């Protein structure tokens, strides 16, 4: 499957795509939270609504075989006045990403993360994210250079 995957930037007009992968990234189905609440949940809306700000950056993985997106990783800046779950500072964006459940553990998440990290190194001093400890993606983040600080993982470019 991995050889079937192509990566491309998320377009400014693809907030619906970001939303669809946010429902995967937030693991609402696994936590028992109704997915119908996601479009209005204030904790989630900020991660997808009005996608396309100049500082928004995202990568989508598409499968030629399936003919649709199978994963997406994106970054968004938040302020201290309106922080996200993994807010560190106003110049460090937060990462979110998801891969459809049936295609996990095939390297797609790693491809997305590596590409996004490469694309944002010249734009930001680092990135952060918040992830549940029971999420198997923690392994991907640690391999990608993220370090845990409380409930938040950070990756500072050019530092250890």
C-alpha atoms as a PDB file:
ATOM      1  CA  UNK A   1       0.000   0.000   0.000  1.00  0.00           C
ATOM      2  CA  UNK A   2       2.764   2.471   0.885  1.00  0.00           C
ATOM      3  CA  UNK A   3       4.096   2.439  -2.694  1.00  0.00           C
ATOM      4  CA  UNK A   4       0.608   3.381  -3.846  1.00  0.00           C
ATOM      5  CA  UNK A   5       0.619   6.608  -1.772  1.00  0.00           C
ATOM      6  CA  UNK A   6       1.283  10.089  -3.103  1.00  0.00           C
ATOM      7  CA  UNK A   7       1.641  13.157  -0.917  1.00  0.00           C
ATOM      8  CA  UNK A   8       0.448  16.645  -1.774  1.00  0.00           C
ATOM      9  CA  UNK A   9      -0.157  19.928   0.080  1.00  0.00           C
ATOM     10  CA  UNK A  10      -3.581  20.568   1.554  1.00  0.00           C
ATOM     11  CA  UNK A  11      -5.216  23.380  -0.438  1.00  0.00           C
ATOM     12  CA  UNK A  12      -6.617  26.492   1.278  1.00  0.00           C
ATOM     13  CA  UNK A  13     -10.148  25.466   0.255  1.00  0.00           C
ATOM     14  CA  UNK A  14      -9.988  22.015   1.854  1.00  0.00           C
ATOM     15  CA  UNK A  15     -11.359  22.687   5.339  1.00  0.00           C
ATOM     16  CA  UNK A  16     -13.830  19.795   4.862  1.00  0.00           C
ATOM     17  CA  UNK A  17     -10.878  17.458   4.298  1.00  0.00           C
ATOM     18  CA  UNK A  18      -9.182  18.751   7.449  1.00  0.00           C
ATOM     19  CA  UNK A  19     -12.441  18.281   9.359  1.00  0.00           C
ATOM     20  CA  UNK A  20     -12.846  14.687   8.167  1.00  0.00           C
ATOM     21  CA  UNK A  21      -9.349  13.769   9.354  1.00  0.00           C
ATOM     22  CA  UNK A  22      -9.786  15.692  12.602  1.00  0.00           C
ATOM     23  CA  UNK A  23     -12.606  13.334  13.519  1.00  0.00           C
ATOM     24  CA  UNK A  24     -10.083  10.513  13.062  1.00  0.00           C
ATOM     25  CA  UNK A  25      -7.280  12.346  14.881  1.00  0.00           C
ATOM     26  CA  UNK A  26      -9.534  13.136  17.846  1.00  0.00           C
ATOM     27  CA  UNK A  27     -10.395   9.419  18.067  1.00  0.00           C
ATOM     28  CA  UNK A  28     -13.989  10.256  18.887  1.00  0.00           C
ATOM     29  CA  UNK A  29     -15.219   6.796  17.886  1.00  0.00           C
ATOM     30  CA  UNK A  30     -12.755   5.108  20.233  1.00  0.00           C
ATOM     31  CA  UNK A  31     -13.556   7.408  23.161  1.00  0.00           C
ATOM     32  CA  UNK A  32     -17.310   6.913  22.804  1.00  0.00           C
ATOM     33  CA  UNK A  33     -17.896  10.577  21.994  1.00  0.00           C
ATOM     34  CA  UNK A  34     -20.527  11.176  19.302  1.00  0.00           C
ATOM     35  CA  UNK A  35     -19.006  12.253  16.011  1.00  0.00           C
ATOM     36  CA  UNK A  36     -22.065  14.444  15.410  1.00  0.00           C
ATOM     37  CA  UNK A  37     -20.823  16.768  18.151  1.00  0.00           C
ATOM     38  CA  UNK A  38     -17.469  17.386  16.394  1.00  0.00           C
ATOM     39  CA  UNK A  39     -18.615  20.180  14.003  1.00  0.00           C
ATOM     40  CA  UNK A  40     -19.571  22.397  16.941  1.00  0.00           C
ATOM     41  CA  UNK A  41     -17.199  21.253  19.692  1.00  0.00           C
ATOM     42  CA  UNK A  42     -15.215  24.429  20.569  1.00  0.00           C
ATOM     43  CA  UNK A  43     -12.167  22.329  21.428  1.00  0.00           C
ATOM     44  CA  UNK A  44     -12.120  20.899  17.880  1.00  0.00           C
ATOM     45  CA  UNK A  45     -13.573  23.628  15.651  1.00  0.00           C
ATOM     46  CA  UNK A  46     -10.411  25.722  15.922  1.00  0.00           C
ATOM     47  CA  UNK A  47      -8.363  22.950  14.274  1.00  0.00           C
ATOM     48  CA  UNK A  48     -10.277  22.927  10.978  1.00  0.00           C
ATOM     49  CA  UNK A  49     -12.634  25.869  10.600  1.00  0.00           C
ATOM     50  CA  UNK A  50     -11.478  28.623   8.224  1.00  0.00           C
ATOM     51  CA  UNK A  51      -8.586  26.512   6.982  1.00  0.00           C
ATOM     52  CA  UNK A  52      -6.257  28.372   4.646  1.00  0.00           C
ATOM     53  CA  UNK A  53      -4.620  31.037   6.836  1.00  0.00           C
ATOM     54  CA  UNK A  54      -1.151  31.996   5.580  1.00  0.00           C
ATOM     55  CA  UNK A  55       0.457  30.027   8.421  1.00  0.00           C
ATOM     56  CA  UNK A  56      -1.677  26.877   7.942  1.00  0.00           C
ATOM     57  CA  UNK A  57       0.316  23.992   6.529  1.00  0.00           C
ATOM     58  CA  UNK A  58      -0.879  20.485   5.723  1.00  0.00           C
ATOM     59  CA  UNK A  59      -0.054  17.344   3.749  1.00  0.00           C
ATOM     60  CA  UNK A  60      -2.553  14.798   2.483  1.00  0.00           C
ATOM     61  CA  UNK A  61      -1.777  11.186   1.564  1.00  0.00           C
ATOM     62  CA  UNK A  62      -3.779   9.842  -1.342  1.00  0.00           C
ATOM     63  CA  UNK A  63      -4.083   6.257  -2.492  1.00  0.00           C
ATOM     64  CA  UNK A  64      -4.099   5.720  -6.265  1.00  0.00           C
ATOM     65  CA  UNK A  65      -5.600   2.271  -5.753  1.00  0.00           C
ATOM     66  CA  UNK A  66      -8.457   3.507  -3.557  1.00  0.00           C
ATOM     67  CA  UNK A  67      -8.737   6.873  -5.336  1.00  0.00           C
ATOM     68  CA  UNK A  68      -9.247   8.932  -2.185  1.00  0.00           C
ATOM     69  CA  UNK A  69      -7.287  10.497   0.697  1.00  0.00           C
ATOM     70  CA  UNK A  70      -6.202   8.022   3.361  1.00  0.00           C
ATOM     71  CA  UNK A  71      -4.280  10.303   5.726  1.00  0.00           C
ATOM     72  CA  UNK A  72      -3.673  13.922   6.526  1.00  0.00           C
ATOM     73  CA  UNK A  73      -1.286  15.859   8.773  1.00  0.00           C
ATOM     74  CA  UNK A  74      -1.567  19.575   9.380  1.00  0.00           C
ATOM     75  CA  UNK A  75      -0.238  22.433  11.491  1.00  0.00           C
ATOM     76  CA  UNK A  76      -2.013  25.495  12.790  1.00  0.00           C
ATOM     77  CA  UNK A  77      -0.859  28.398  14.977  1.00  0.00           C
ATOM     78  CA  UNK A  78      -2.865  29.338  18.062  1.00  0.00           C
ATOM     79  CA  UNK A  79      -2.468  32.167  20.517  1.00  0.00           C
ATOM     80  CA  UNK A  80      -2.190  32.103  24.276  1.00  0.00           C
ATOM     81  CA  UNK A  81      -5.578  33.822  24.412  1.00  0.00           C
ATOM     82  CA  UNK A  82      -7.179  31.002  22.390  1.00  0.00           C
ATOM     83  CA  UNK A  83      -4.826  28.031  22.779  1.00  0.00           C
ATOM     84  CA  UNK A  84      -5.252  24.562  21.397  1.00  0.00           C
ATOM     85  CA  UNK A  85      -4.644  21.412  23.415  1.00  0.00           C
ATOM     86  CA  UNK A  86      -0.878  21.415  22.845  1.00  0.00           C
ATOM     87  CA  UNK A  87      -0.137  25.150  22.949  1.00  0.00           C
ATOM     88  CA  UNK A  88       3.479  25.966  23.807  1.00  0.00           C
ATOM     89  CA  UNK A  89       3.889  29.485  22.422  1.00  0.00           C
ATOM     90  CA  UNK A  90       2.361  31.738  19.798  1.00  0.00           C
ATOM     91  CA  UNK A  91       5.104  30.971  17.249  1.00  0.00           C
ATOM     92  CA  UNK A  92       4.965  27.176  17.543  1.00  0.00           C
ATOM     93  CA  UNK A  93       2.087  25.570  15.653  1.00  0.00           C
ATOM     94  CA  UNK A  94       0.196  22.519  16.801  1.00  0.00           C
ATOM     95  CA  UNK A  95       0.172  19.318  14.815  1.00  0.00           C
ATOM     96  CA  UNK A  96      -2.818  17.092  14.200  1.00  0.00           C
ATOM     97  CA  UNK A  97      -3.067  14.092  11.944  1.00  0.00           C
ATOM     98  CA  UNK A  98      -4.977  10.973  11.224  1.00  0.00           C
ATOM     99  CA  UNK A  99      -4.837   7.923   8.999  1.00  0.00           C
ATOM    100  CA  UNK A 100      -7.938   5.890   8.235  1.00  0.00           C
ATOM    101  CA  UNK A 101      -8.147   2.978  10.633  1.00  0.00           C
ATOM    102  CA  UNK A 102      -7.949   0.166   8.083  1.00  0.00           C
ATOM    103  CA  UNK A 103      -4.600   1.480   6.770  1.00  0.00           C
ATOM    104  CA  UNK A 104      -2.770   2.181  10.027  1.00  0.00           C
ATOM    105  CA  UNK A 105       0.583   0.506  10.750  1.00  0.00           C
ATOM    106  CA  UNK A 106       1.592   0.581   7.087  1.00  0.00           C
ATOM    107  CA  UNK A 107       3.959   3.573   7.220  1.00  0.00           C
ATOM    108  CA  UNK A 108       1.521   6.202   5.952  1.00  0.00           C
ATOM    109  CA  UNK A 109       1.617   8.196   9.203  1.00  0.00           C
ATOM    110  CA  UNK A 110       5.417   8.181   9.153  1.00  0.00           C
ATOM    111  CA  UNK A 111       5.446   9.409   5.536  1.00  0.00           C
ATOM    112  CA  UNK A 112       3.075  12.235   6.411  1.00  0.00           C
ATOM    113  CA  UNK A 113       4.968  13.289   9.512  1.00  0.00           C
ATOM    114  CA  UNK A 114       8.383  13.235   7.818  1.00  0.00           C
ATOM    115  CA  UNK A 115       7.125  15.332   4.903  1.00  0.00           C
ATOM    116  CA  UNK A 116       5.371  17.842   7.150  1.00  0.00           C
ATOM    117  CA  UNK A 117       8.438  18.206   9.362  1.00  0.00           C
ATOM    118  CA  UNK A 118      10.599  18.826   6.285  1.00  0.00           C
ATOM    119  CA  UNK A 119       8.135  21.393   4.928  1.00  0.00           C
ATOM    120  CA  UNK A 120       7.889  23.387   8.141  1.00  0.00           C
ATOM    121  CA  UNK A 121      11.527  23.494   9.326  1.00  0.00           C
ATOM    122  CA  UNK A 122      12.192  26.807   7.590  1.00  0.00           C
ATOM    123  CA  UNK A 123       8.888  28.326   8.734  1.00  0.00           C
ATOM    124  CA  UNK A 124       8.668  27.588  12.471  1.00  0.00           C
ATOM    125  CA  UNK A 125      11.082  27.090  15.404  1.00  0.00           C
ATOM    126  CA  UNK A 126       9.316  23.837  16.315  1.00  0.00           C
ATOM    127  CA  UNK A 127       5.931  22.182  16.547  1.00  0.00           C
ATOM    128  CA  UNK A 128       3.832  20.715  19.339  1.00  0.00           C
ATOM    129  CA  UNK A 129       0.947  18.325  19.746  1.00  0.00           C
ATOM    130  CA  UNK A 130      -1.272  16.851  22.378  1.00  0.00           C
ATOM    131  CA  UNK A 131      -1.985  13.134  22.230  1.00  0.00           C
ATOM    132  CA  UNK A 132      -3.643  10.612  24.490  1.00  0.00           C
ATOM    133  CA  UNK A 133      -1.109   8.302  26.091  1.00  0.00           C
ATOM    134  CA  UNK A 134      -2.977   5.226  24.846  1.00  0.00           C
ATOM    135  CA  UNK A 135      -2.643   6.385  21.232  1.00  0.00           C
ATOM    136  CA  UNK A 136      -0.273   4.083  19.344  1.00  0.00           C
ATOM    137  CA  UNK A 137       0.878   7.100  17.272  1.00  0.00           C
ATOM    138  CA  UNK A 138       3.036   8.144  20.245  1.00  0.00           C
ATOM    139  CA  UNK A 139       5.688   5.823  18.769  1.00  0.00           C
ATOM    140  CA  UNK A 140       5.660   7.767  15.481  1.00  0.00           C
ATOM    141  CA  UNK A 141       6.039  11.080  17.303  1.00  0.00           C
ATOM    142  CA  UNK A 142       8.955   9.830  19.381  1.00  0.00           C
ATOM    143  CA  UNK A 143      10.700   8.461  16.267  1.00  0.00           C
ATOM    144  CA  UNK A 144      10.077  11.864  14.638  1.00  0.00           C
ATOM    145  CA  UNK A 145      12.065  13.627  17.371  1.00  0.00           C
ATOM    146  CA  UNK A 146       9.211  14.709  19.653  1.00  0.00           C
ATOM    147  CA  UNK A 147       9.776  14.754  23.387  1.00  0.00           C
ATOM    148  CA  UNK A 148       7.085  14.631  26.039  1.00  0.00           C
ATOM    149  CA  UNK A 149       6.562  17.559  28.422  1.00  0.00           C
ATOM    150  CA  UNK A 150       3.576  16.773  30.632  1.00  0.00           C
ATOM    151  CA  UNK A 151       0.610  16.164  28.313  1.00  0.00           C
ATOM    152  CA  UNK A 152       2.288  17.877  25.358  1.00  0.00           C
ATOM    153  CA  UNK A 153       4.885  16.588  22.895  1.00  0.00           C
ATOM    154  CA  UNK A 154       7.244  19.048  21.224  1.00  0.00           C
ATOM    155  CA  UNK A 155       9.774  18.935  18.429  1.00  0.00           C
ATOM    156  CA  UNK A 156      12.164  21.892  18.370  1.00  0.00           C
ATOM    157  CA  UNK A 157      14.035  22.166  15.118  1.00  0.00           C
ATOM    158  CA  UNK A 158      17.773  22.447  15.451  1.00  0.00           C
ATOM    159  CA  UNK A 159      17.767  21.342  19.086  1.00  0.00           C
ATOM    160  CA  UNK A 160      17.616  18.044  20.902  1.00  0.00           C
END
